[in-house]
N, C-alpha and C. Protein backbone atom coordinates (compact mmCIF):
# COMPACT_ATOMS: atom_id res chain seq x y z
N MET A 1 170.40 266.88 -60.09
CA MET A 1 170.94 268.10 -59.53
C MET A 1 169.84 269.16 -59.47
N LEU A 2 169.70 269.84 -58.35
CA LEU A 2 168.65 270.83 -58.15
C LEU A 2 169.16 272.24 -58.45
N VAL A 3 169.63 272.44 -59.66
CA VAL A 3 170.16 273.74 -60.03
C VAL A 3 169.07 274.65 -60.57
N MET A 4 168.18 274.10 -61.35
CA MET A 4 167.14 274.89 -62.00
C MET A 4 166.02 275.21 -60.99
N PRO A 5 165.49 276.43 -61.04
CA PRO A 5 164.44 276.82 -60.08
C PRO A 5 163.19 275.94 -60.14
N HIS A 6 162.80 275.49 -61.33
CA HIS A 6 161.59 274.67 -61.40
C HIS A 6 161.80 273.32 -60.71
N LYS A 7 163.03 272.81 -60.72
CA LYS A 7 163.30 271.56 -60.01
C LYS A 7 163.24 271.77 -58.50
N GLN A 8 163.73 272.91 -58.05
CA GLN A 8 163.65 273.23 -56.63
C GLN A 8 162.19 273.38 -56.21
N PHE A 9 161.39 274.05 -57.05
CA PHE A 9 159.96 274.21 -56.77
C PHE A 9 159.29 272.85 -56.63
N LEU A 10 159.55 271.96 -57.56
CA LEU A 10 158.94 270.63 -57.50
C LEU A 10 159.39 269.86 -56.27
N PHE A 11 160.67 269.91 -55.97
CA PHE A 11 161.21 269.20 -54.80
C PHE A 11 160.54 269.71 -53.52
N ILE A 12 160.51 271.02 -53.35
CA ILE A 12 159.93 271.59 -52.13
C ILE A 12 158.43 271.31 -52.06
N GLY A 13 157.73 271.47 -53.18
CA GLY A 13 156.29 271.26 -53.20
C GLY A 13 155.88 269.83 -52.95
N ILE A 14 156.66 268.88 -53.49
CA ILE A 14 156.29 267.47 -53.36
C ILE A 14 156.76 266.88 -52.04
N TRP A 15 158.02 267.09 -51.69
CA TRP A 15 158.58 266.39 -50.53
C TRP A 15 158.62 267.21 -49.24
N VAL A 16 158.75 268.50 -49.31
CA VAL A 16 158.83 269.30 -48.09
C VAL A 16 157.43 269.66 -47.59
N TYR A 17 156.64 270.33 -48.44
CA TYR A 17 155.29 270.75 -48.03
C TYR A 17 154.24 269.67 -48.26
N ARG A 18 154.52 268.72 -49.10
CA ARG A 18 153.62 267.61 -49.43
C ARG A 18 152.24 268.09 -49.90
N ARG A 19 152.25 269.15 -50.72
CA ARG A 19 151.00 269.69 -51.24
C ARG A 19 150.82 269.43 -52.73
N LEU A 20 151.88 269.04 -53.41
CA LEU A 20 151.79 268.83 -54.85
C LEU A 20 151.64 267.35 -55.18
N ASN A 21 150.74 267.09 -56.09
CA ASN A 21 150.61 265.76 -56.67
C ASN A 21 150.42 265.95 -58.18
N ARG A 22 150.19 264.88 -58.91
CA ARG A 22 150.07 264.99 -60.36
C ARG A 22 148.93 265.92 -60.78
N LYS A 23 147.81 265.82 -60.10
CA LYS A 23 146.66 266.65 -60.44
C LYS A 23 146.96 268.13 -60.20
N ASN A 24 147.55 268.46 -59.05
CA ASN A 24 147.89 269.84 -58.74
C ASN A 24 148.91 270.40 -59.71
N ILE A 25 149.93 269.62 -60.03
CA ILE A 25 150.97 270.08 -60.95
C ILE A 25 150.36 270.39 -62.31
N PHE A 26 149.48 269.51 -62.79
CA PHE A 26 148.83 269.75 -64.08
C PHE A 26 147.98 271.01 -64.03
N SER A 27 147.22 271.20 -62.95
CA SER A 27 146.37 272.38 -62.81
C SER A 27 147.20 273.66 -62.75
N LEU A 28 148.28 273.65 -61.96
CA LEU A 28 149.14 274.82 -61.86
C LEU A 28 149.82 275.14 -63.18
N THR A 29 150.28 274.10 -63.87
CA THR A 29 150.92 274.30 -65.17
C THR A 29 149.92 274.87 -66.17
N HIS A 30 148.71 274.36 -66.15
CA HIS A 30 147.66 274.87 -67.04
C HIS A 30 147.39 276.35 -66.77
N ASP A 31 147.26 276.73 -65.49
CA ASP A 31 147.03 278.13 -65.14
C ASP A 31 148.18 279.02 -65.59
N ALA A 32 149.42 278.55 -65.38
CA ALA A 32 150.59 279.33 -65.79
C ALA A 32 150.63 279.52 -67.30
N VAL A 33 150.35 278.45 -68.04
CA VAL A 33 150.36 278.54 -69.51
C VAL A 33 149.27 279.50 -69.99
N MET A 34 148.11 279.46 -69.39
CA MET A 34 147.03 280.37 -69.78
C MET A 34 147.40 281.83 -69.49
N THR A 35 148.00 282.08 -68.34
CA THR A 35 148.41 283.44 -68.00
C THR A 35 149.48 283.95 -68.95
N VAL A 36 150.50 283.14 -69.19
CA VAL A 36 151.57 283.54 -70.11
C VAL A 36 151.01 283.74 -71.52
N GLY A 37 150.09 282.88 -71.92
CA GLY A 37 149.47 283.02 -73.24
C GLY A 37 148.73 284.34 -73.38
N MET A 38 147.98 284.73 -72.35
CA MET A 38 147.27 286.01 -72.40
C MET A 38 148.25 287.18 -72.48
N ILE A 39 149.34 287.09 -71.72
CA ILE A 39 150.34 288.16 -71.76
C ILE A 39 150.97 288.25 -73.15
N PHE A 40 151.31 287.11 -73.74
CA PHE A 40 151.90 287.12 -75.08
C PHE A 40 150.93 287.64 -76.13
N ILE A 41 149.65 287.34 -75.98
CA ILE A 41 148.65 287.87 -76.92
C ILE A 41 148.59 289.40 -76.79
N LEU A 42 148.61 289.91 -75.55
CA LEU A 42 148.63 291.36 -75.36
C LEU A 42 149.87 291.99 -75.98
N ILE A 43 151.02 291.34 -75.79
CA ILE A 43 152.26 291.86 -76.37
C ILE A 43 152.17 291.87 -77.89
N ALA A 44 151.67 290.79 -78.48
CA ALA A 44 151.56 290.71 -79.94
C ALA A 44 150.63 291.79 -80.48
N ILE A 45 149.49 291.98 -79.84
CA ILE A 45 148.54 293.01 -80.28
C ILE A 45 149.17 294.40 -80.13
N GLY A 46 149.88 294.62 -79.04
CA GLY A 46 150.54 295.90 -78.83
C GLY A 46 151.61 296.18 -79.86
N ILE A 47 152.39 295.16 -80.23
CA ILE A 47 153.43 295.33 -81.24
C ILE A 47 152.80 295.67 -82.59
N VAL A 48 151.75 294.94 -82.95
CA VAL A 48 151.06 295.23 -84.22
C VAL A 48 150.50 296.65 -84.20
N LEU A 49 149.86 297.03 -83.11
CA LEU A 49 149.31 298.38 -83.00
C LEU A 49 150.41 299.44 -83.11
N GLY A 50 151.52 299.22 -82.43
CA GLY A 50 152.64 300.16 -82.50
C GLY A 50 153.19 300.31 -83.91
N ARG A 51 153.33 299.19 -84.61
CA ARG A 51 153.82 299.24 -86.00
C ARG A 51 152.84 299.96 -86.92
N VAL A 52 151.55 299.67 -86.73
CA VAL A 52 150.53 300.33 -87.56
C VAL A 52 150.55 301.83 -87.31
N LEU A 53 150.62 302.23 -86.04
CA LEU A 53 150.67 303.65 -85.71
C LEU A 53 151.89 304.33 -86.33
N ALA A 54 153.02 303.63 -86.31
CA ALA A 54 154.24 304.20 -86.89
C ALA A 54 154.13 304.31 -88.41
N ARG A 55 153.61 303.30 -89.07
CA ARG A 55 153.51 303.32 -90.54
C ARG A 55 152.52 304.37 -91.04
N ILE A 56 151.43 304.52 -90.32
CA ILE A 56 150.42 305.50 -90.74
C ILE A 56 150.92 306.92 -90.49
N GLY A 57 151.82 307.08 -89.55
CA GLY A 57 152.33 308.40 -89.23
C GLY A 57 151.63 309.04 -88.05
N ILE A 58 150.90 308.23 -87.31
CA ILE A 58 150.18 308.75 -86.14
C ILE A 58 151.16 309.31 -85.11
N ALA A 59 152.32 308.67 -84.97
CA ALA A 59 153.29 309.13 -83.98
C ALA A 59 153.75 310.55 -84.28
N GLN A 60 154.00 310.84 -85.54
CA GLN A 60 154.45 312.19 -85.91
C GLN A 60 153.32 313.20 -85.72
N ILE A 61 152.10 312.80 -86.08
CA ILE A 61 150.94 313.68 -85.87
C ILE A 61 150.74 313.93 -84.37
N PHE A 62 150.90 312.87 -83.57
CA PHE A 62 150.78 313.00 -82.11
C PHE A 62 151.85 313.95 -81.57
N ALA A 63 153.09 313.81 -82.06
CA ALA A 63 154.18 314.68 -81.61
C ALA A 63 153.89 316.13 -81.95
N GLU A 64 153.41 316.38 -83.15
CA GLU A 64 153.10 317.75 -83.54
C GLU A 64 151.95 318.32 -82.70
N SER A 65 150.97 317.49 -82.41
CA SER A 65 149.84 317.94 -81.58
C SER A 65 150.29 318.27 -80.17
N VAL A 66 151.12 317.41 -79.59
CA VAL A 66 151.62 317.65 -78.24
C VAL A 66 152.45 318.93 -78.20
N MET A 67 153.30 319.12 -79.22
CA MET A 67 154.12 320.32 -79.25
C MET A 67 153.26 321.58 -79.44
N GLY A 68 152.11 321.43 -80.10
CA GLY A 68 151.21 322.56 -80.27
C GLY A 68 150.46 322.91 -78.99
N ILE A 69 150.14 321.90 -78.21
CA ILE A 69 149.38 322.12 -76.97
C ILE A 69 150.29 322.57 -75.84
N PHE A 70 151.37 321.83 -75.62
CA PHE A 70 152.30 322.13 -74.53
C PHE A 70 153.56 322.74 -75.12
N GLU A 71 153.91 323.91 -74.66
CA GLU A 71 155.06 324.58 -75.24
C GLU A 71 156.35 324.33 -74.47
N SER A 72 156.25 323.91 -73.23
CA SER A 72 157.48 323.75 -72.45
C SER A 72 157.80 322.27 -72.21
N LYS A 73 159.07 322.01 -72.10
CA LYS A 73 159.56 320.66 -71.80
C LYS A 73 159.01 320.19 -70.45
N PHE A 74 158.95 321.10 -69.49
CA PHE A 74 158.45 320.78 -68.15
C PHE A 74 157.03 320.24 -68.21
N LEU A 75 156.15 320.91 -68.96
CA LEU A 75 154.75 320.48 -69.05
C LEU A 75 154.61 319.16 -69.80
N ILE A 76 155.42 318.97 -70.83
CA ILE A 76 155.36 317.71 -71.59
C ILE A 76 155.78 316.54 -70.70
N LEU A 77 156.83 316.72 -69.91
CA LEU A 77 157.26 315.65 -69.01
C LEU A 77 156.22 315.41 -67.91
N ALA A 78 155.57 316.47 -67.43
CA ALA A 78 154.50 316.30 -66.44
C ALA A 78 153.33 315.53 -67.05
N MET A 79 152.99 315.83 -68.31
CA MET A 79 151.93 315.11 -69.00
C MET A 79 152.31 313.64 -69.19
N LEU A 80 153.58 313.39 -69.50
CA LEU A 80 154.05 312.01 -69.65
C LEU A 80 153.89 311.25 -68.33
N ASN A 81 154.32 311.87 -67.23
CA ASN A 81 154.18 311.22 -65.92
C ASN A 81 152.72 310.92 -65.59
N LEU A 82 151.87 311.88 -65.79
CA LEU A 82 150.45 311.70 -65.49
C LEU A 82 149.84 310.59 -66.36
N THR A 83 150.18 310.59 -67.64
CA THR A 83 149.67 309.56 -68.55
C THR A 83 150.14 308.18 -68.12
N LEU A 84 151.43 308.06 -67.80
CA LEU A 84 151.97 306.76 -67.39
C LEU A 84 151.33 306.28 -66.09
N LEU A 85 151.14 307.19 -65.15
CA LEU A 85 150.53 306.80 -63.87
C LEU A 85 149.08 306.36 -64.06
N LEU A 86 148.33 307.10 -64.85
CA LEU A 86 146.92 306.75 -65.06
C LEU A 86 146.77 305.45 -65.84
N LEU A 87 147.50 305.31 -66.93
CA LEU A 87 147.41 304.07 -67.71
C LEU A 87 147.92 302.87 -66.92
N GLY A 88 149.00 303.08 -66.16
CA GLY A 88 149.58 301.99 -65.40
C GLY A 88 148.69 301.46 -64.30
N MET A 89 147.73 302.26 -63.85
CA MET A 89 146.79 301.78 -62.84
C MET A 89 145.82 300.75 -63.42
N PHE A 90 145.55 300.86 -64.71
CA PHE A 90 144.56 299.99 -65.34
C PHE A 90 145.16 298.91 -66.23
N ILE A 91 146.31 299.19 -66.83
CA ILE A 91 146.92 298.29 -67.80
C ILE A 91 148.30 297.91 -67.29
N ASP A 92 148.70 296.69 -67.55
CA ASP A 92 150.03 296.22 -67.16
C ASP A 92 151.11 297.04 -67.88
N ALA A 93 152.31 297.03 -67.34
CA ALA A 93 153.40 297.85 -67.88
C ALA A 93 153.80 297.47 -69.30
N THR A 94 153.78 296.18 -69.63
CA THR A 94 154.23 295.76 -70.95
C THR A 94 153.34 296.29 -72.07
N PRO A 95 152.02 296.10 -72.02
CA PRO A 95 151.19 296.70 -73.07
C PRO A 95 151.26 298.22 -73.10
N THR A 96 151.37 298.84 -71.93
CA THR A 96 151.51 300.30 -71.89
C THR A 96 152.77 300.73 -72.61
N MET A 97 153.86 300.03 -72.37
CA MET A 97 155.12 300.36 -73.02
C MET A 97 155.02 300.17 -74.53
N ILE A 98 154.44 299.07 -74.94
CA ILE A 98 154.36 298.77 -76.37
C ILE A 98 153.49 299.78 -77.10
N ILE A 99 152.47 300.29 -76.44
CA ILE A 99 151.58 301.26 -77.07
C ILE A 99 152.16 302.68 -77.00
N LEU A 100 152.68 303.08 -75.84
CA LEU A 100 153.09 304.47 -75.64
C LEU A 100 154.47 304.83 -76.19
N VAL A 101 155.41 303.91 -76.14
CA VAL A 101 156.77 304.25 -76.57
C VAL A 101 156.81 304.72 -78.03
N PRO A 102 156.17 304.01 -78.98
CA PRO A 102 156.21 304.53 -80.35
C PRO A 102 155.55 305.91 -80.50
N LEU A 103 154.57 306.21 -79.66
CA LEU A 103 153.93 307.52 -79.73
C LEU A 103 154.79 308.61 -79.10
N MET A 104 155.47 308.28 -78.00
CA MET A 104 156.20 309.30 -77.25
C MET A 104 157.63 309.53 -77.74
N LEU A 105 158.22 308.57 -78.45
CA LEU A 105 159.61 308.75 -78.90
C LEU A 105 159.82 310.00 -79.74
N PRO A 106 158.96 310.28 -80.73
CA PRO A 106 159.17 311.52 -81.49
C PRO A 106 159.08 312.77 -80.61
N VAL A 107 158.19 312.76 -79.64
CA VAL A 107 158.06 313.91 -78.73
C VAL A 107 159.34 314.06 -77.92
N MET A 108 159.86 312.95 -77.39
CA MET A 108 161.08 313.01 -76.59
C MET A 108 162.27 313.49 -77.43
N ASN A 109 162.32 313.09 -78.69
CA ASN A 109 163.40 313.55 -79.57
C ASN A 109 163.29 315.04 -79.84
N ILE A 110 162.07 315.54 -80.01
CA ILE A 110 161.88 316.96 -80.30
C ILE A 110 162.29 317.82 -79.11
N ILE A 111 161.96 317.39 -77.90
CA ILE A 111 162.30 318.21 -76.72
C ILE A 111 163.66 317.84 -76.12
N ASP A 112 164.43 317.03 -76.83
CA ASP A 112 165.80 316.66 -76.43
C ASP A 112 165.88 315.98 -75.07
N VAL A 113 165.02 315.00 -74.85
CA VAL A 113 165.11 314.19 -73.65
C VAL A 113 165.94 312.96 -73.99
N ASN A 114 166.94 312.68 -73.18
CA ASN A 114 167.78 311.50 -73.39
C ASN A 114 166.91 310.25 -73.29
N LEU A 115 167.15 309.29 -74.17
CA LEU A 115 166.33 308.08 -74.19
C LEU A 115 166.55 307.22 -72.95
N VAL A 116 167.73 307.29 -72.36
CA VAL A 116 167.96 306.57 -71.10
C VAL A 116 167.09 307.19 -70.00
N GLN A 117 167.03 308.51 -69.98
CA GLN A 117 166.18 309.18 -69.00
C GLN A 117 164.71 308.84 -69.25
N PHE A 118 164.29 308.81 -70.51
CA PHE A 118 162.92 308.45 -70.85
C PHE A 118 162.61 307.04 -70.35
N GLY A 119 163.53 306.12 -70.56
CA GLY A 119 163.34 304.75 -70.07
C GLY A 119 163.25 304.69 -68.55
N ALA A 120 164.10 305.47 -67.88
CA ALA A 120 164.08 305.48 -66.41
C ALA A 120 162.77 306.06 -65.89
N VAL A 121 162.30 307.14 -66.50
CA VAL A 121 161.03 307.74 -66.10
C VAL A 121 159.90 306.74 -66.32
N PHE A 122 159.94 306.05 -67.44
CA PHE A 122 158.90 305.07 -67.76
C PHE A 122 158.87 303.96 -66.71
N VAL A 123 160.03 303.42 -66.37
CA VAL A 123 160.10 302.31 -65.41
C VAL A 123 159.64 302.77 -64.02
N VAL A 124 160.09 303.93 -63.58
CA VAL A 124 159.70 304.42 -62.26
C VAL A 124 158.20 304.70 -62.21
N ALA A 125 157.67 305.35 -63.24
CA ALA A 125 156.23 305.67 -63.26
C ALA A 125 155.38 304.41 -63.30
N GLU A 126 155.78 303.43 -64.08
CA GLU A 126 155.00 302.18 -64.14
C GLU A 126 155.12 301.41 -62.83
N GLY A 127 156.29 301.46 -62.20
CA GLY A 127 156.45 300.81 -60.89
C GLY A 127 155.54 301.43 -59.85
N ILE A 128 155.37 302.74 -59.92
CA ILE A 128 154.47 303.42 -59.00
C ILE A 128 153.02 303.09 -59.33
N ALA A 129 152.70 303.06 -60.61
CA ALA A 129 151.31 302.87 -61.04
C ALA A 129 150.76 301.51 -60.63
N VAL A 130 151.58 300.48 -60.65
CA VAL A 130 151.06 299.14 -60.33
C VAL A 130 150.79 298.95 -58.84
N ILE A 131 151.23 299.91 -58.00
CA ILE A 131 150.90 299.81 -56.57
C ILE A 131 149.96 300.93 -56.12
N THR A 132 149.47 301.72 -57.07
CA THR A 132 148.61 302.85 -56.73
C THR A 132 147.14 302.43 -56.70
N PRO A 133 146.47 302.59 -55.55
CA PRO A 133 145.04 302.28 -55.47
C PRO A 133 144.25 303.22 -56.38
N PRO A 134 143.07 302.88 -56.81
CA PRO A 134 142.24 301.75 -56.43
C PRO A 134 142.47 300.50 -57.28
N PHE A 135 143.09 300.61 -58.44
CA PHE A 135 143.24 299.46 -59.33
C PHE A 135 144.68 298.98 -59.37
N ALA A 136 145.29 298.79 -58.24
CA ALA A 136 146.70 298.42 -58.16
C ALA A 136 146.86 296.92 -58.43
N ILE A 137 147.43 296.61 -59.57
CA ILE A 137 147.59 295.21 -59.97
C ILE A 137 148.45 294.46 -58.95
N THR A 138 149.58 295.03 -58.61
CA THR A 138 150.49 294.38 -57.68
C THR A 138 149.91 294.33 -56.27
N LEU A 139 149.16 295.34 -55.90
CA LEU A 139 148.55 295.38 -54.57
C LEU A 139 147.54 294.24 -54.40
N PHE A 140 146.78 293.95 -55.44
CA PHE A 140 145.83 292.83 -55.37
C PHE A 140 146.56 291.50 -55.23
N ALA A 141 147.68 291.36 -55.93
CA ALA A 141 148.47 290.13 -55.79
C ALA A 141 149.04 290.02 -54.38
N THR A 142 149.48 291.14 -53.81
CA THR A 142 150.01 291.14 -52.45
C THR A 142 148.94 290.75 -51.45
N VAL A 143 147.74 291.28 -51.62
CA VAL A 143 146.62 290.93 -50.73
C VAL A 143 146.34 289.44 -50.81
N ARG A 144 146.33 288.92 -52.01
CA ARG A 144 146.02 287.50 -52.19
C ARG A 144 147.09 286.60 -51.57
N LEU A 145 148.35 286.96 -51.76
CA LEU A 145 149.43 286.11 -51.25
C LEU A 145 149.64 286.26 -49.75
N SER A 146 149.50 287.47 -49.23
CA SER A 146 149.80 287.70 -47.81
C SER A 146 148.62 287.44 -46.89
N GLY A 147 147.42 287.57 -47.42
CA GLY A 147 146.24 287.40 -46.58
C GLY A 147 145.87 288.65 -45.80
N VAL A 148 146.62 289.74 -45.98
CA VAL A 148 146.32 291.01 -45.32
C VAL A 148 145.18 291.68 -46.08
N PRO A 149 144.16 292.17 -45.39
CA PRO A 149 143.04 292.82 -46.08
C PRO A 149 143.49 294.05 -46.88
N TYR A 150 142.82 294.29 -47.98
CA TYR A 150 143.13 295.41 -48.87
C TYR A 150 143.09 296.74 -48.13
N GLU A 151 142.09 296.91 -47.27
CA GLU A 151 141.92 298.17 -46.56
C GLU A 151 143.10 298.49 -45.65
N GLU A 152 143.75 297.47 -45.09
CA GLU A 152 144.89 297.69 -44.20
C GLU A 152 146.13 298.13 -44.96
N LEU A 153 146.20 297.85 -46.24
CA LEU A 153 147.37 298.22 -47.03
C LEU A 153 147.28 299.62 -47.62
N ILE A 154 146.09 300.18 -47.67
CA ILE A 154 145.90 301.47 -48.34
C ILE A 154 146.71 302.58 -47.69
N VAL A 155 146.63 302.73 -46.37
CA VAL A 155 147.32 303.83 -45.69
C VAL A 155 148.84 303.72 -45.85
N PRO A 156 149.46 302.55 -45.58
CA PRO A 156 150.91 302.48 -45.78
C PRO A 156 151.34 302.72 -47.23
N ILE A 157 150.55 302.23 -48.17
CA ILE A 157 150.89 302.44 -49.58
C ILE A 157 150.80 303.92 -49.94
N MET A 158 149.77 304.60 -49.48
CA MET A 158 149.62 306.02 -49.78
C MET A 158 150.75 306.83 -49.15
N LEU A 159 151.14 306.49 -47.93
CA LEU A 159 152.28 307.17 -47.30
C LEU A 159 153.55 306.95 -48.12
N TYR A 160 153.77 305.72 -48.54
CA TYR A 160 154.94 305.42 -49.36
C TYR A 160 154.90 306.21 -50.67
N LEU A 161 153.74 306.27 -51.29
CA LEU A 161 153.63 306.99 -52.56
C LEU A 161 153.98 308.46 -52.40
N PHE A 162 153.43 309.11 -51.38
CA PHE A 162 153.64 310.55 -51.25
C PHE A 162 154.99 310.92 -50.64
N ILE A 163 155.54 310.06 -49.79
CA ILE A 163 156.81 310.40 -49.14
C ILE A 163 158.01 309.94 -49.97
N VAL A 164 157.89 308.80 -50.65
CA VAL A 164 159.04 308.24 -51.36
C VAL A 164 158.85 308.20 -52.87
N ALA A 165 157.80 307.55 -53.34
CA ALA A 165 157.69 307.22 -54.76
C ALA A 165 157.52 308.43 -55.67
N ILE A 166 156.59 309.30 -55.35
CA ILE A 166 156.35 310.47 -56.21
C ILE A 166 157.57 311.40 -56.23
N PRO A 167 158.21 311.70 -55.09
CA PRO A 167 159.44 312.50 -55.17
C PRO A 167 160.54 311.84 -56.02
N VAL A 168 160.68 310.52 -55.93
CA VAL A 168 161.68 309.84 -56.77
C VAL A 168 161.32 309.99 -58.24
N LEU A 169 160.04 309.87 -58.57
CA LEU A 169 159.61 310.05 -59.97
C LEU A 169 159.92 311.47 -60.45
N LEU A 170 159.63 312.46 -59.63
CA LEU A 170 159.89 313.84 -60.02
C LEU A 170 161.39 314.10 -60.18
N LEU A 171 162.19 313.56 -59.28
CA LEU A 171 163.64 313.72 -59.41
C LEU A 171 164.16 313.04 -60.67
N THR A 172 163.67 311.84 -60.95
CA THR A 172 164.09 311.12 -62.15
C THR A 172 163.66 311.87 -63.41
N THR A 173 162.49 312.48 -63.36
CA THR A 173 161.97 313.18 -64.53
C THR A 173 162.72 314.46 -64.82
N TYR A 174 163.00 315.25 -63.81
CA TYR A 174 163.51 316.59 -64.04
C TYR A 174 165.01 316.76 -63.79
N ILE A 175 165.67 315.72 -63.32
CA ILE A 175 167.13 315.78 -63.16
C ILE A 175 167.74 314.62 -63.94
N PRO A 176 168.10 314.85 -65.21
CA PRO A 176 168.59 313.76 -66.06
C PRO A 176 169.86 313.10 -65.53
N ALA A 177 170.65 313.83 -64.76
CA ALA A 177 171.90 313.26 -64.26
C ALA A 177 171.65 312.04 -63.37
N LEU A 178 170.51 312.01 -62.67
CA LEU A 178 170.22 310.88 -61.79
C LEU A 178 170.07 309.57 -62.55
N SER A 179 169.51 309.63 -63.74
CA SER A 179 169.29 308.40 -64.50
C SER A 179 170.36 308.16 -65.55
N CYS A 180 171.17 309.15 -65.86
CA CYS A 180 172.14 309.00 -66.96
C CYS A 180 173.59 308.87 -66.53
N TRP A 181 173.93 309.21 -65.31
CA TRP A 181 175.35 309.22 -64.95
C TRP A 181 175.95 307.82 -64.93
N LEU A 182 175.23 306.84 -64.37
CA LEU A 182 175.78 305.48 -64.30
C LEU A 182 175.89 304.84 -65.68
N PRO A 183 174.86 304.90 -66.54
CA PRO A 183 175.06 304.37 -67.90
C PRO A 183 176.19 305.07 -68.65
N THR A 184 176.35 306.38 -68.44
CA THR A 184 177.45 307.10 -69.08
C THR A 184 178.78 306.61 -68.55
N LEU A 185 178.87 306.38 -67.26
CA LEU A 185 180.10 305.89 -66.65
C LEU A 185 180.46 304.50 -67.18
N ILE A 186 179.47 303.64 -67.33
CA ILE A 186 179.72 302.26 -67.75
C ILE A 186 179.93 302.15 -69.26
N MET A 187 179.05 302.78 -70.05
CA MET A 187 179.07 302.58 -71.50
C MET A 187 179.69 303.74 -72.26
N GLY A 188 179.86 304.86 -71.63
CA GLY A 188 180.45 306.01 -72.31
C GLY A 188 179.40 306.94 -72.86
N SER A 189 179.81 308.19 -73.08
CA SER A 189 178.86 309.20 -73.53
C SER A 189 178.48 309.04 -74.99
N LYS A 190 179.29 308.32 -75.78
CA LYS A 190 178.93 308.11 -77.18
C LYS A 190 177.69 307.24 -77.31
N ILE A 191 177.53 306.27 -76.43
CA ILE A 191 176.37 305.38 -76.49
C ILE A 191 175.16 306.01 -75.81
N VAL A 192 175.35 306.58 -74.63
CA VAL A 192 174.23 307.14 -73.87
C VAL A 192 173.74 308.44 -74.49
N GLY A 193 174.65 309.24 -74.99
CA GLY A 193 174.26 310.51 -75.60
C GLY A 193 174.29 311.64 -74.59
N PRO A 194 174.04 312.85 -75.08
CA PRO A 194 174.07 314.01 -74.18
C PRO A 194 172.86 314.04 -73.26
N TRP A 195 173.07 314.57 -72.06
CA TRP A 195 171.98 314.74 -71.11
C TRP A 195 172.18 316.02 -70.39
C-alpha cells in the first residue's frame, strides 16, 4: 500500500521517472542523514547554550540591560524585529529560536507582551528573514530547485518584502489582536492570557 510518503517517493523515482537505483538511493539517504544530523547537532548545542544562559542568569541580566537601554515597549519590539531579521538572514530559524527565546522571554514578560504574540512575531520575522537577500537560505534553495538565476529573483522578492511581508510583520508586532484572537477563540482566554 502506498500510504506513506517515502513509499510514494520510491515508487515515483524508480518506476515513473526511472532515475533511482540502489546507488542513488544510498547516496540520497546518506545526504539526508548527514543534513538531519547537522541540524540535530545545532539544536543540541542551542539547547545546552540556552540552559547554561538561564542557569547563569544571563537572561535576567540581558532583560535588565534591555530595559535600561530602551524605555518603551515600541522600541523593544522594534529591536526584537530587527534582531530576528538580521540573525535569520545568517542562521536557520531553529538555532535562532533556541538561542534567542530564553534571552527574550524575561524581556517580553516585563513589558507584558503576550507569549502567543511573541511566538507569532518570531515566526513571521524568521519567515521573512529566510527569504531576505543577500544570505537568503530559502532563496538559494529555490534557485537550485527551479533553475531560475538568483539575480532574476531579487526584484520580485524585494517587492514582496516591502509591499507584503514587512507590513504584515509590523501589524503582527504592534496589534496583538491579530495574533491572539484565534487562539483565544479556540482555547479560551485562561490559556492564552491577556492581550
